C-alpha atoms as a PDB file:
ATOM      1  CA  MET A   1      -4.194 -47.597   7.843  1.00  0.00           C
ATOM      2  CA  PRO A   2      -5.453 -49.018   4.446  1.00  0.00           C
ATOM      3  CA  SER A   3      -3.079 -51.221   2.563  1.00  0.00           C
ATOM      4  CA  ALA A   4      -2.003 -50.726  -1.008  1.00  0.00           C
ATOM      5  CA  ARG A   5      -0.742 -53.242  -3.541  1.00  0.00           C
ATOM      6  CA  LEU A   6       1.308 -52.368  -6.555  1.00  0.00           C
ATOM      7  CA  ILE A   7       0.467 -54.564  -9.518  1.00  0.00           C
ATOM      8  CA  ASP A   8       2.599 -54.727 -12.665  1.00  0.00           C
ATOM      9  CA  VAL A   9       0.157 -55.212 -15.494  1.00  0.00           C
ATOM     10  CA  GLU A  10       2.762 -56.951 -17.604  1.00  0.00           C
ATOM     11  CA  GLU A  11       3.044 -59.721 -14.969  1.00  0.00           C
ATOM     12  CA  ILE A  12      -0.500 -59.835 -13.589  1.00  0.00           C
ATOM     13  CA  GLY A  13      -1.575 -63.050 -12.017  1.00  0.00           C
ATOM     14  CA  LYS A  14      -4.687 -64.741 -10.572  1.00  0.00           C
ATOM     15  CA  ASP A  15      -3.971 -63.321  -7.063  1.00  0.00           C
ATOM     16  CA  ASP A  16      -3.541 -59.828  -8.527  1.00  0.00           C
ATOM     17  CA  TRP A  17      -7.015 -60.089 -10.241  1.00  0.00           C
ATOM     18  CA  ALA A  18      -8.529 -61.341  -7.029  1.00  0.00           C
ATOM     19  CA  ALA A  19      -6.992 -58.448  -5.040  1.00  0.00           C
ATOM     20  CA  MET A  20      -8.426 -55.906  -7.471  1.00  0.00           C
ATOM     21  CA  ASP A  21     -11.877 -57.557  -7.423  1.00  0.00           C
ATOM     22  CA  ALA A  22     -11.817 -57.342  -3.546  1.00  0.00           C
ATOM     23  CA  ALA A  23     -10.353 -53.828  -3.319  1.00  0.00           C
ATOM     24  CA  ASP A  24     -12.318 -50.811  -2.252  1.00  0.00           C
ATOM     25  CA  ALA A  25     -10.374 -48.580  -4.725  1.00  0.00           C
ATOM     26  CA  ILE A  26      -8.243 -49.130  -7.840  1.00  0.00           C
ATOM     27  CA  LEU A  27      -5.798 -46.411  -8.963  1.00  0.00           C
ATOM     28  CA  PHE A  28      -4.932 -46.682 -12.641  1.00  0.00           C
ATOM     29  CA  GLY A  29      -1.385 -45.519 -13.601  1.00  0.00           C
ATOM     30  CA  THR A  30       0.358 -45.561 -16.957  1.00  0.00           C
ATOM     31  CA  PRO A  31       2.952 -43.404 -18.729  1.00  0.00           C
ATOM     32  CA  THR A  32       1.763 -41.235 -21.576  1.00  0.00           C
ATOM     33  CA  TYR A  33       3.334 -42.252 -24.828  1.00  0.00           C
ATOM     34  CA  MET A  34       2.599 -40.339 -27.955  1.00  0.00           C
ATOM     35  CA  GLY A  35      -0.530 -38.771 -26.481  1.00  0.00           C
ATOM     36  CA  SER A  36      -2.212 -41.754 -24.879  1.00  0.00           C
ATOM     37  CA  SER A  37      -1.792 -44.576 -22.430  1.00  0.00           C
ATOM     38  CA  ALA A  38       0.929 -47.207 -23.038  1.00  0.00           C
ATOM     39  CA  ALA A  39      -0.119 -50.138 -25.282  1.00  0.00           C
ATOM     40  CA  ARG A  40       0.769 -52.678 -22.593  1.00  0.00           C
ATOM     41  CA  PHE A  41      -1.521 -50.900 -20.176  1.00  0.00           C
ATOM     42  CA  ASP A  42      -4.318 -50.826 -22.809  1.00  0.00           C
ATOM     43  CA  ARG A  43      -3.953 -54.591 -23.039  1.00  0.00           C
ATOM     44  CA  PHE A  44      -4.572 -54.809 -19.243  1.00  0.00           C
ATOM     45  CA  LEU A  45      -7.742 -52.553 -19.595  1.00  0.00           C
ATOM     46  CA  GLU A  46      -9.035 -54.919 -22.304  1.00  0.00           C
ATOM     47  CA  GLU A  47      -8.458 -57.899 -20.117  1.00  0.00           C
ATOM     48  CA  ALA A  48     -10.127 -56.218 -17.135  1.00  0.00           C
ATOM     49  CA  SER A  49     -13.149 -55.424 -19.162  1.00  0.00           C
ATOM     50  CA  ASP A  50     -14.194 -59.093 -18.643  1.00  0.00           C
ATOM     51  CA  ARG A  51     -15.381 -57.818 -15.276  1.00  0.00           C
ATOM     52  CA  TRP A  52     -17.826 -55.439 -16.874  1.00  0.00           C
ATOM     53  CA  PRO A  53     -20.821 -57.840 -17.560  1.00  0.00           C
ATOM     54  CA  ASP A  54     -20.951 -58.879 -13.940  1.00  0.00           C
ATOM     55  CA  GLN A  55     -20.166 -55.312 -12.746  1.00  0.00           C
ATOM     56  CA  LEU A  56     -17.299 -56.662 -10.480  1.00  0.00           C
ATOM     57  CA  TRP A  57     -15.719 -53.222 -10.252  1.00  0.00           C
ATOM     58  CA  ALA A  58     -18.903 -51.178 -10.030  1.00  0.00           C
ATOM     59  CA  ASP A  59     -19.025 -48.674  -7.189  1.00  0.00           C
ATOM     60  CA  LYS A  60     -15.240 -49.031  -6.428  1.00  0.00           C
ATOM     61  CA  ILE A  61     -13.435 -45.748  -5.994  1.00  0.00           C
ATOM     62  CA  ALA A  62     -11.158 -45.066  -9.005  1.00  0.00           C
ATOM     63  CA  GLY A  63      -8.481 -42.549  -9.809  1.00  0.00           C
ATOM     64  CA  GLY A  64      -5.649 -42.241 -12.304  1.00  0.00           C
ATOM     65  CA  PHE A  65      -2.184 -40.902 -12.755  1.00  0.00           C
ATOM     66  CA  THR A  66       0.282 -40.536 -15.617  1.00  0.00           C
ATOM     67  CA  VAL A  67       3.723 -39.235 -16.247  1.00  0.00           C
ATOM     68  CA  ALA A  68       5.355 -37.957 -19.448  1.00  0.00           C
ATOM     69  CA  THR A  69       8.526 -36.173 -20.416  1.00  0.00           C
ATOM     70  CA  TYR A  70       7.000 -32.800 -21.202  1.00  0.00           C
ATOM     71  CA  PRO A  71       4.931 -30.761 -18.768  1.00  0.00           C
ATOM     72  CA  SER A  72       1.954 -31.066 -21.111  1.00  0.00           C
ATOM     73  CA  GLY A  73       2.948 -34.180 -22.926  1.00  0.00           C
ATOM     74  CA  ASP A  74      -0.700 -34.676 -23.836  1.00  0.00           C
ATOM     75  CA  LYS A  75      -1.272 -36.273 -20.443  1.00  0.00           C
ATOM     76  CA  LEU A  76      -4.860 -34.953 -20.212  1.00  0.00           C
ATOM     77  CA  ASN A  77      -5.791 -37.350 -23.038  1.00  0.00           C
ATOM     78  CA  THR A  78      -4.441 -40.285 -21.058  1.00  0.00           C
ATOM     79  CA  LEU A  79      -6.371 -39.242 -17.951  1.00  0.00           C
ATOM     80  CA  MET A  80      -9.573 -38.891 -19.959  1.00  0.00           C
ATOM     81  CA  ARG A  81      -9.144 -42.340 -21.341  1.00  0.00           C
ATOM     82  CA  LEU A  82      -8.818 -43.739 -17.739  1.00  0.00           C
ATOM     83  CA  ALA A  83     -11.732 -41.737 -16.390  1.00  0.00           C
ATOM     84  CA  VAL A  84     -14.020 -42.877 -19.289  1.00  0.00           C
ATOM     85  CA  TYR A  85     -12.901 -46.497 -18.704  1.00  0.00           C
ATOM     86  CA  ALA A  86     -13.682 -46.292 -15.009  1.00  0.00           C
ATOM     87  CA  ALA A  87     -17.054 -44.725 -15.801  1.00  0.00           C
ATOM     88  CA  GLN A  88     -17.845 -47.580 -18.191  1.00  0.00           C
ATOM     89  CA  MET A  89     -16.924 -50.019 -15.441  1.00  0.00           C
ATOM     90  CA  GLY A  90     -19.372 -48.221 -13.101  1.00  0.00           C
ATOM     91  CA  MET A  91     -16.621 -46.927 -10.817  1.00  0.00           C
ATOM     92  CA  ILE A  92     -16.645 -43.661  -8.802  1.00  0.00           C
ATOM     93  CA  TRP A  93     -13.800 -41.357 -10.136  1.00  0.00           C
ATOM     94  CA  VAL A  94     -11.890 -39.207  -7.687  1.00  0.00           C
ATOM     95  CA  GLY A  95      -9.395 -36.546  -8.884  1.00  0.00           C
ATOM     96  CA  PRO A  96      -6.751 -34.667  -6.890  1.00  0.00           C
ATOM     97  CA  ASN A  97      -7.682 -31.545  -4.940  1.00  0.00           C
ATOM     98  CA  GLN A  98      -4.268 -29.854  -4.572  1.00  0.00           C
ATOM     99  CA  ILE A  99      -4.117 -26.204  -5.577  1.00  0.00           C
ATOM    100  CA  GLY A 100      -0.631 -25.078  -6.327  1.00  0.00           C
ATOM    101  CA  ALA A 101       1.005 -21.903  -7.666  1.00  0.00           C
ATOM    102  CA  PRO A 102       0.258 -19.610  -9.253  1.00  0.00           C
ATOM    103  CA  VAL A 103      -3.105 -19.672  -7.465  1.00  0.00           C
ATOM    104  CA  ALA A 104      -1.580 -20.712  -4.127  1.00  0.00           C
ATOM    105  CA  PRO A 105       1.971 -19.323  -4.095  1.00  0.00           C
ATOM    106  CA  GLN A 106       2.593 -20.880  -0.755  1.00  0.00           C
ATOM    107  CA  HIS A 107       2.608 -24.294  -2.553  1.00  0.00           C
ATOM    108  CA  PRO A 108       4.862 -23.637  -5.555  1.00  0.00           C
ATOM    109  CA  ASP A 109       5.591 -27.320  -6.334  1.00  0.00           C
ATOM    110  CA  LEU A 110       2.195 -28.895  -5.741  1.00  0.00           C
ATOM    111  CA  ASN A 111       0.072 -29.832  -8.650  1.00  0.00           C
ATOM    112  CA  ARG A 112       2.411 -28.002 -11.034  1.00  0.00           C
ATOM    113  CA  ASP A 113       0.429 -29.132 -14.059  1.00  0.00           C
ATOM    114  CA  GLY A 114      -2.858 -27.843 -12.625  1.00  0.00           C
ATOM    115  CA  SER A 115      -4.623 -31.180 -13.284  1.00  0.00           C
ATOM    116  CA  HIS A 116      -7.769 -32.031 -11.419  1.00  0.00           C
ATOM    117  CA  LEU A 117      -9.034 -34.989 -13.474  1.00  0.00           C
ATOM    118  CA  GLY A 118      -6.136 -37.085 -12.266  1.00  0.00           C
ATOM    119  CA  LEU A 119      -2.523 -36.835 -11.111  1.00  0.00           C
ATOM    120  CA  MET A 120      -0.014 -35.582 -13.690  1.00  0.00           C
ATOM    121  CA  ALA A 121       3.776 -35.766 -13.171  1.00  0.00           C
ATOM    122  CA  THR A 122       6.620 -34.799 -15.349  1.00  0.00           C
ATOM    123  CA  SER A 123       9.562 -37.113 -15.543  1.00  0.00           C
ATOM    124  CA  SER A 124      12.859 -35.865 -14.216  1.00  0.00           C
ATOM    125  CA  ARG A 125      15.967 -35.826 -16.326  1.00  0.00           C
ATOM    126  CA  ASP A 126      17.618 -37.490 -13.361  1.00  0.00           C
ATOM    127  CA  LYS A 127      16.317 -41.044 -13.811  1.00  0.00           C
ATOM    128  CA  ARG A 128      17.412 -41.928 -10.281  1.00  0.00           C
ATOM    129  CA  GLU A 129      14.721 -39.577  -9.130  1.00  0.00           C
ATOM    130  CA  MET A 130      12.131 -40.366 -11.845  1.00  0.00           C
ATOM    131  CA  ILE A 131       9.787 -37.388 -10.805  1.00  0.00           C
ATOM    132  CA  GLY A 132      10.576 -34.281  -8.793  1.00  0.00           C
ATOM    133  CA  ALA A 133       9.800 -33.779  -5.119  1.00  0.00           C
ATOM    134  CA  GLY A 134       6.762 -31.532  -5.842  1.00  0.00           C
ATOM    135  CA  ASP A 135       5.122 -34.164  -7.968  1.00  0.00           C
ATOM    136  CA  MET A 136       6.018 -36.870  -5.426  1.00  0.00           C
ATOM    137  CA  GLU A 137       4.313 -34.748  -2.678  1.00  0.00           C
ATOM    138  CA  THR A 138       1.300 -34.243  -4.906  1.00  0.00           C
ATOM    139  CA  ALA A 139       1.172 -37.960  -5.539  1.00  0.00           C
ATOM    140  CA  ARG A 140       1.320 -38.696  -1.828  1.00  0.00           C
ATOM    141  CA  ARG A 141      -1.561 -36.323  -1.065  1.00  0.00           C
ATOM    142  CA  PHE A 142      -3.563 -37.751  -3.963  1.00  0.00           C
ATOM    143  CA  GLY A 143      -3.092 -41.272  -2.526  1.00  0.00           C
ATOM    144  CA  ALA A 144      -4.262 -40.070   0.867  1.00  0.00           C
ATOM    145  CA  ARG A 145      -7.293 -38.568  -0.795  1.00  0.00           C
ATOM    146  CA  ILE A 146      -8.152 -41.823  -2.561  1.00  0.00           C
ATOM    147  CA  ALA A 147      -7.749 -43.733   0.703  1.00  0.00           C
ATOM    148  CA  ALA A 148     -10.038 -41.266   2.466  1.00  0.00           C
ATOM    149  CA  ALA A 149     -12.619 -41.461  -0.266  1.00  0.00           C
ATOM    150  CA  ALA A 150     -12.611 -45.206  -0.218  1.00  0.00           C
ATOM    151  CA  ALA A 151     -13.008 -45.266   3.593  1.00  0.00           C
ATOM    152  CA  ARG A 152     -15.960 -42.811   3.435  1.00  0.00           C
ATOM    153  CA  TRP A 153     -17.581 -44.765   0.531  1.00  0.00           C
ATOM    154  CA  ARG A 154     -17.068 -48.073   2.452  1.00  0.00           C
ATOM    155  CA  GLU A 155     -18.739 -46.617   5.566  1.00  0.00           C
ATOM    156  CA  ALA A 156     -21.650 -45.238   3.503  1.00  0.00           C
ATOM    157  CA  ARG A 157     -22.429 -48.591   1.942  1.00  0.00           C
END
């Protein structure tokens, strides 16, 4: 079973950078604020771009997720920003593949936003929950897809 590491970009340290440099995959996640990624996350992306000249993240699997208060919340703009960043870093972008309702009525709560560029979630009014069960299951499946893609990519190299 692959391991995962959660890194708080506001408290990133030397060991965190080393872990990302050594990782097979990096999943970028940020809230969407006012139609784009959070400013503190953008600062992380700027710092991480130091890896670009040496292509330290080239050929790593990449994916992204975001959450906003509204079902649209302009989350697509955030995911586009993350995907373009990953492309500039030479990474291999993987999106979710969950088909939910209305196309697949048997999965009414999966991929409710119909996003395939990256994972979108809508924040719950109940802040103890943060996101609903359907978005959480979509996230779990997306994480499994990223892990499988990283394993296949690792074997192919």
